[in-house]
Amino acid sequence: MAVGRFHGGSVDQHDVERIARATLRELGVVGAVITIEPEAQIGHWRIDIKGTHGPGQLRIKCGQGSTAQWVRQQIFDQYNAQS
């Protein structure tokens, strides 16, 4: 997984979706419906996971200067804490 900064320092929905899906796959989440939506505050994202025994929802923060590793780590930490 790349750990460089995203598109000049900003994170878009496509970046978050790509990283979230790959990370959840690593955690064994297969066959679930995963939806990623921005929240009201810029840089805050909600990840809904339907059809799995793990948590149903994760919330992450990422913005200017965030790395893929930072997004990935938040997902790992929350998923493991809630499972």
Protein backbone atom coordinates (compact mmCIF):
# COMPACT_ATOMS: atom_id res chain seq x y z
CA MET A 1 0.00 0.00 0.00
CA ALA A 2 1.37 3.38 -0.95
CA VAL A 3 2.11 5.74 1.88
CA GLY A 4 2.59 8.88 -0.15
CA ARG A 5 0.32 11.88 0.06
CA PHE A 6 -2.82 11.96 -2.06
CA HIS A 7 -3.24 14.24 -5.10
CA GLY A 8 -1.21 17.13 -3.82
CA GLY A 9 -2.31 16.68 -0.24
CA SER A 10 -6.08 16.30 -0.53
CA VAL A 11 -8.11 13.12 -0.11
CA ASP A 12 -11.15 12.53 -2.29
CA GLN A 13 -13.93 9.96 -2.06
CA HIS A 14 -12.30 7.69 -4.63
CA ASP A 15 -9.10 7.53 -2.55
CA VAL A 16 -11.01 6.73 0.64
CA GLU A 17 -13.10 4.05 -1.12
CA ARG A 18 -10.07 2.36 -2.63
CA ILE A 19 -8.14 2.27 0.64
CA ALA A 20 -11.17 1.24 2.72
CA ARG A 21 -12.10 -1.65 0.42
CA ALA A 22 -8.52 -2.95 0.30
CA THR A 23 -8.10 -2.65 4.08
CA LEU A 24 -11.42 -4.32 4.86
CA ARG A 25 -10.50 -7.14 2.46
CA GLU A 26 -7.28 -7.62 4.47
CA LEU A 27 -9.42 -7.82 7.61
CA GLY A 28 -11.47 -10.62 6.05
CA VAL A 29 -14.52 -8.60 5.09
CA VAL A 30 -15.71 -10.25 1.88
CA GLY A 31 -19.18 -10.29 0.42
CA ALA A 32 -20.26 -7.24 2.42
CA VAL A 33 -21.79 -4.13 0.91
CA ILE A 34 -19.47 -1.24 1.71
CA THR A 35 -20.61 2.35 1.34
CA ILE A 36 -18.34 5.33 1.91
CA GLU A 37 -19.92 8.77 2.37
CA PRO A 38 -18.50 12.15 3.35
CA GLU A 39 -19.87 13.58 6.59
CA ALA A 40 -20.87 17.21 7.18
CA GLN A 41 -17.39 18.20 8.37
CA ILE A 42 -14.76 18.31 5.65
CA GLY A 43 -12.31 15.44 5.90
CA HIS A 44 -14.66 13.21 7.91
CA TRP A 45 -15.94 10.02 6.30
CA ARG A 46 -18.44 7.33 7.29
CA ILE A 47 -17.90 3.75 6.17
CA ASP A 48 -21.03 1.58 6.36
CA ILE A 49 -20.50 -2.19 6.27
CA LYS A 50 -23.56 -4.38 5.67
CA GLY A 51 -23.54 -8.17 5.66
CA THR A 52 -20.65 -8.97 7.97
CA HIS A 53 -20.17 -9.93 11.60
CA GLY A 54 -17.84 -7.01 12.31
CA PRO A 55 -18.83 -3.43 13.07
CA GLY A 56 -21.60 -1.90 10.98
CA GLN A 57 -20.04 1.52 10.76
CA LEU A 58 -16.63 3.16 10.97
CA ARG A 59 -15.76 6.85 11.00
CA ILE A 60 -12.42 8.18 9.81
CA LYS A 61 -10.75 11.55 9.50
CA CYS A 62 -8.38 12.47 6.73
CA GLY A 63 -7.56 15.61 4.90
CA GLN A 64 -4.73 17.67 3.60
CA GLY A 65 -1.46 15.90 4.32
CA SER A 66 -3.05 12.54 5.22
CA THR A 67 -1.35 9.41 3.98
CA ALA A 68 -2.88 6.14 2.81
CA GLN A 69 -1.25 4.50 5.82
CA TRP A 70 -3.07 6.90 8.19
CA VAL A 71 -6.45 6.08 6.60
CA ARG A 72 -5.65 2.36 6.69
CA GLN A 73 -4.56 2.46 10.34
CA GLN A 74 -7.78 4.18 11.44
CA ILE A 75 -9.83 1.48 9.72
CA PHE A 76 -7.75 -1.33 11.26
CA ASP A 77 -7.93 0.18 14.75
CA GLN A 78 -11.68 0.83 14.70
CA TYR A 79 -12.57 -2.47 13.08
CA ASN A 80 -10.53 -4.47 15.58
CA ALA A 81 -11.84 -2.44 18.55
CA GLN A 82 -15.48 -3.01 17.53
CA SER A 83 -15.25 -6.65 16.44
